[in-house]
């Protein structure tokens, strides 16, 4: 079992974005595949606290029940441009 601390969620999301390449990760994939119920705050932290350049594109997908949803697709453009300490 993995941790659901914000740090652990951020690390899982960053790794998934790196591995996904230009395909990116949808909100649904982050929620259901990475166990991150609110991926937007983790994306915000990666962008603003850690300097990652991440694009948000329109996307869609099916949830675990097979229902189609419009959602965001996050694509990692560049790794950290600057090193900043996380805000408390």
N, C-alpha and C. Protein backbone atom coordinates (compact mmCIF):
# COMPACT_ATOMS: atom_id res chain seq x y z
N UNK A 1 0.84 -1.17 0.00
CA UNK A 1 0.00 0.00 0.00
C UNK A 1 0.90 1.24 0.00
N UNK A 2 0.49 2.24 -0.76
CA UNK A 2 1.31 3.44 -0.84
C UNK A 2 0.73 4.55 0.04
N UNK A 3 1.53 5.57 0.25
CA UNK A 3 1.11 6.70 1.05
C UNK A 3 0.26 7.65 0.21
N UNK A 4 -0.68 8.31 0.85
CA UNK A 4 -1.48 9.32 0.17
C UNK A 4 -1.15 10.72 0.65
N UNK A 5 0.05 10.89 1.21
CA UNK A 5 0.49 12.23 1.59
C UNK A 5 0.61 13.07 0.31
N UNK A 6 0.55 14.37 0.46
CA UNK A 6 0.68 15.23 -0.73
C UNK A 6 2.02 15.01 -1.42
N UNK A 7 3.07 14.79 -0.64
CA UNK A 7 4.39 14.54 -1.23
C UNK A 7 4.38 13.27 -2.06
N UNK A 8 3.82 12.20 -1.54
CA UNK A 8 3.76 10.93 -2.27
C UNK A 8 2.90 11.07 -3.52
N UNK A 9 1.79 11.77 -3.42
CA UNK A 9 0.93 11.98 -4.60
C UNK A 9 1.67 12.77 -5.67
N UNK A 10 2.35 13.82 -5.25
CA UNK A 10 3.11 14.66 -6.18
C UNK A 10 4.20 13.85 -6.86
N UNK A 11 4.89 13.00 -6.11
CA UNK A 11 5.94 12.16 -6.68
C UNK A 11 5.37 11.17 -7.69
N UNK A 12 4.23 10.54 -7.36
CA UNK A 12 3.60 9.59 -8.29
C UNK A 12 3.18 10.31 -9.57
N UNK A 13 2.61 11.49 -9.44
CA UNK A 13 2.15 12.24 -10.60
C UNK A 13 3.32 12.69 -11.47
N UNK A 14 4.38 13.19 -10.84
CA UNK A 14 5.57 13.62 -11.60
C UNK A 14 6.16 12.46 -12.37
N UNK A 15 6.31 11.31 -11.73
CA UNK A 15 6.85 10.13 -12.40
C UNK A 15 5.95 9.69 -13.56
N UNK A 16 4.64 9.69 -13.34
CA UNK A 16 3.70 9.30 -14.40
C UNK A 16 3.77 10.26 -15.58
N UNK A 17 3.91 11.55 -15.30
CA UNK A 17 4.03 12.54 -16.38
C UNK A 17 5.32 12.32 -17.17
N UNK A 18 6.41 12.04 -16.47
CA UNK A 18 7.68 11.77 -17.15
C UNK A 18 7.58 10.54 -18.03
N UNK A 19 6.93 9.50 -17.55
CA UNK A 19 6.81 8.25 -18.30
C UNK A 19 5.81 8.36 -19.45
N UNK A 20 4.79 9.20 -19.30
CA UNK A 20 3.74 9.32 -20.33
C UNK A 20 4.21 10.06 -21.57
N UNK A 21 5.21 10.92 -21.43
CA UNK A 21 5.69 11.69 -22.57
C UNK A 21 4.60 12.57 -23.14
N UNK A 22 4.54 12.71 -24.47
CA UNK A 22 3.57 13.62 -25.09
C UNK A 22 2.12 13.18 -24.95
N UNK A 23 1.90 11.94 -24.59
CA UNK A 23 0.52 11.45 -24.38
C UNK A 23 -0.10 12.11 -23.15
N UNK A 24 0.71 12.35 -22.13
CA UNK A 24 0.24 12.98 -20.92
C UNK A 24 -0.63 12.08 -20.07
N UNK A 25 -1.22 12.67 -19.05
CA UNK A 25 -2.06 11.98 -18.07
C UNK A 25 -3.36 12.76 -17.93
N UNK A 26 -4.48 12.09 -18.02
CA UNK A 26 -5.76 12.78 -17.81
C UNK A 26 -6.10 12.82 -16.33
N UNK A 27 -7.03 13.70 -16.01
CA UNK A 27 -7.53 13.77 -14.64
C UNK A 27 -8.07 12.41 -14.20
N UNK A 28 -8.80 11.75 -15.10
CA UNK A 28 -9.36 10.43 -14.77
C UNK A 28 -8.27 9.41 -14.50
N UNK A 29 -7.22 9.42 -15.32
CA UNK A 29 -6.11 8.48 -15.11
C UNK A 29 -5.42 8.74 -13.77
N UNK A 30 -5.26 10.02 -13.43
CA UNK A 30 -4.62 10.36 -12.16
C UNK A 30 -5.48 9.89 -10.99
N UNK A 31 -6.80 10.08 -11.11
CA UNK A 31 -7.70 9.69 -10.03
C UNK A 31 -7.78 8.18 -9.87
N UNK A 32 -7.98 7.50 -10.96
CA UNK A 32 -8.23 6.06 -10.89
C UNK A 32 -6.96 5.22 -10.94
N UNK A 33 -5.96 5.66 -11.69
CA UNK A 33 -4.74 4.87 -11.83
C UNK A 33 -3.66 5.20 -10.82
N UNK A 34 -3.63 6.47 -10.38
CA UNK A 34 -2.58 6.90 -9.45
C UNK A 34 -3.11 7.15 -8.05
N UNK A 35 -4.42 7.02 -7.86
CA UNK A 35 -5.05 7.24 -6.56
C UNK A 35 -4.81 8.66 -6.04
N UNK A 36 -4.99 9.63 -6.96
CA UNK A 36 -4.88 11.04 -6.61
C UNK A 36 -6.25 11.65 -6.89
N UNK A 37 -7.04 11.85 -5.86
CA UNK A 37 -8.42 12.29 -6.05
C UNK A 37 -8.51 13.72 -6.57
N UNK A 38 -7.54 14.57 -6.24
CA UNK A 38 -7.54 15.95 -6.71
C UNK A 38 -6.19 16.25 -7.36
N UNK A 39 -6.02 15.87 -8.63
CA UNK A 39 -4.73 16.09 -9.28
C UNK A 39 -4.39 17.56 -9.53
N UNK A 40 -5.39 18.43 -9.69
CA UNK A 40 -5.12 19.84 -10.00
C UNK A 40 -4.22 20.52 -8.96
N UNK A 41 -4.46 20.33 -7.67
CA UNK A 41 -3.54 20.95 -6.70
C UNK A 41 -2.11 20.42 -6.78
N UNK A 42 -1.96 19.13 -7.09
CA UNK A 42 -0.61 18.57 -7.24
C UNK A 42 0.08 19.17 -8.48
N UNK A 43 -0.68 19.36 -9.56
CA UNK A 43 -0.13 20.00 -10.76
C UNK A 43 0.29 21.43 -10.43
N UNK A 44 -0.55 22.15 -9.70
CA UNK A 44 -0.25 23.52 -9.29
C UNK A 44 1.07 23.54 -8.52
N UNK A 45 1.22 22.63 -7.57
CA UNK A 45 2.45 22.58 -6.76
C UNK A 45 3.67 22.29 -7.63
N UNK A 46 3.54 21.34 -8.55
CA UNK A 46 4.66 21.02 -9.44
C UNK A 46 5.05 22.24 -10.28
N UNK A 47 4.06 22.98 -10.74
CA UNK A 47 4.33 24.18 -11.55
C UNK A 47 4.93 25.30 -10.71
N UNK A 48 4.23 25.68 -9.65
CA UNK A 48 4.56 26.91 -8.94
C UNK A 48 5.58 26.74 -7.82
N UNK A 49 5.65 25.59 -7.23
CA UNK A 49 6.60 25.38 -6.13
C UNK A 49 7.88 24.68 -6.59
N UNK A 50 7.80 23.92 -7.69
CA UNK A 50 8.96 23.13 -8.13
C UNK A 50 9.45 23.47 -9.53
N UNK A 51 8.76 24.38 -10.23
CA UNK A 51 9.26 24.89 -11.50
C UNK A 51 9.03 24.03 -12.73
N UNK A 52 8.14 23.04 -12.66
CA UNK A 52 7.86 22.21 -13.83
C UNK A 52 6.95 22.96 -14.78
N UNK A 53 7.21 22.83 -16.07
CA UNK A 53 6.33 23.39 -17.09
C UNK A 53 5.40 22.28 -17.55
N UNK A 54 4.12 22.42 -17.24
CA UNK A 54 3.12 21.40 -17.53
C UNK A 54 1.97 22.07 -18.27
N UNK A 55 1.65 21.55 -19.45
CA UNK A 55 0.53 22.07 -20.23
C UNK A 55 -0.75 21.37 -19.81
N UNK A 56 -1.85 22.11 -19.83
CA UNK A 56 -3.17 21.52 -19.61
C UNK A 56 -3.92 21.61 -20.92
N UNK A 57 -4.30 20.48 -21.45
CA UNK A 57 -5.01 20.40 -22.73
C UNK A 57 -6.39 19.81 -22.50
N UNK A 58 -7.33 20.08 -23.40
CA UNK A 58 -8.63 19.42 -23.27
C UNK A 58 -8.48 17.94 -23.57
N UNK A 59 -9.19 17.14 -22.83
CA UNK A 59 -9.13 15.70 -23.03
C UNK A 59 -10.47 15.06 -22.71
N UNK A 60 -10.55 13.79 -22.93
CA UNK A 60 -11.73 13.04 -22.54
C UNK A 60 -11.31 11.61 -22.28
N UNK A 61 -12.17 10.90 -21.62
CA UNK A 61 -11.87 9.51 -21.29
C UNK A 61 -13.07 8.87 -20.65
N UNK A 62 -12.90 7.60 -20.33
CA UNK A 62 -13.95 6.84 -19.66
C UNK A 62 -13.51 6.54 -18.24
N UNK A 63 -14.45 6.64 -17.33
CA UNK A 63 -14.14 6.29 -15.96
C UNK A 63 -14.29 4.78 -15.78
N UNK A 64 -14.09 4.31 -14.57
CA UNK A 64 -14.14 2.87 -14.29
C UNK A 64 -15.51 2.26 -14.58
N UNK A 65 -16.54 3.08 -14.56
CA UNK A 65 -17.89 2.59 -14.84
C UNK A 65 -18.23 2.63 -16.33
N UNK A 66 -17.28 3.12 -17.14
CA UNK A 66 -17.48 3.18 -18.58
C UNK A 66 -18.16 4.44 -19.08
N UNK A 67 -18.36 5.42 -18.21
CA UNK A 67 -18.99 6.68 -18.61
C UNK A 67 -17.95 7.64 -19.17
N UNK A 68 -18.29 8.28 -20.29
CA UNK A 68 -17.40 9.25 -20.91
C UNK A 68 -17.44 10.57 -20.15
N UNK A 69 -16.28 11.17 -20.01
CA UNK A 69 -16.16 12.48 -19.34
C UNK A 69 -15.16 13.34 -20.09
N UNK A 70 -15.44 14.63 -20.13
CA UNK A 70 -14.45 15.59 -20.60
C UNK A 70 -13.58 15.92 -19.39
N UNK A 71 -12.30 16.02 -19.62
CA UNK A 71 -11.40 16.29 -18.50
C UNK A 71 -10.13 16.93 -19.03
N UNK A 72 -9.28 17.33 -18.14
CA UNK A 72 -7.99 17.89 -18.52
C UNK A 72 -6.98 16.80 -18.79
N UNK A 73 -6.05 17.09 -19.69
CA UNK A 73 -4.92 16.22 -19.96
C UNK A 73 -3.67 17.03 -19.66
N UNK A 74 -2.86 16.53 -18.75
CA UNK A 74 -1.63 17.21 -18.34
C UNK A 74 -0.45 16.60 -19.07
N UNK A 75 0.36 17.48 -19.68
CA UNK A 75 1.54 17.03 -20.42
C UNK A 75 2.76 17.78 -19.90
N UNK A 76 3.77 17.02 -19.51
CA UNK A 76 5.02 17.61 -19.04
C UNK A 76 5.80 18.14 -20.23
N UNK A 77 6.09 19.44 -20.20
CA UNK A 77 6.86 20.09 -21.27
C UNK A 77 8.35 20.12 -20.91
N UNK A 78 8.65 20.60 -19.74
CA UNK A 78 10.03 20.68 -19.26
C UNK A 78 10.09 20.40 -17.78
N UNK A 79 11.24 19.90 -17.36
CA UNK A 79 11.47 19.69 -15.93
C UNK A 79 11.64 21.01 -15.22
N UNK A 80 12.07 20.98 -14.00
CA UNK A 80 12.15 22.21 -13.22
C UNK A 80 13.09 23.22 -13.84
N UNK A 81 12.61 24.45 -13.97
CA UNK A 81 13.43 25.54 -14.50
C UNK A 81 14.16 26.25 -13.38
N UNK A 82 13.60 26.17 -12.20
CA UNK A 82 14.19 26.86 -11.05
C UNK A 82 13.96 26.00 -9.82
N UNK A 83 14.80 26.22 -8.87
CA UNK A 83 14.62 25.49 -7.62
C UNK A 83 14.08 26.48 -6.60
N UNK A 84 12.90 26.12 -6.08
CA UNK A 84 12.28 26.94 -5.05
C UNK A 84 11.87 26.04 -3.91
N UNK A 85 11.85 26.62 -2.76
CA UNK A 85 11.36 25.87 -1.61
C UNK A 85 9.84 25.88 -1.65
N UNK A 86 9.23 24.76 -1.33
CA UNK A 86 7.77 24.73 -1.28
C UNK A 86 7.23 25.73 -0.26
N UNK A 87 6.09 26.32 -0.61
CA UNK A 87 5.42 27.21 0.34
C UNK A 87 4.81 26.39 1.45
N UNK A 88 4.78 26.98 2.62
CA UNK A 88 4.20 26.28 3.76
C UNK A 88 2.77 26.69 3.96
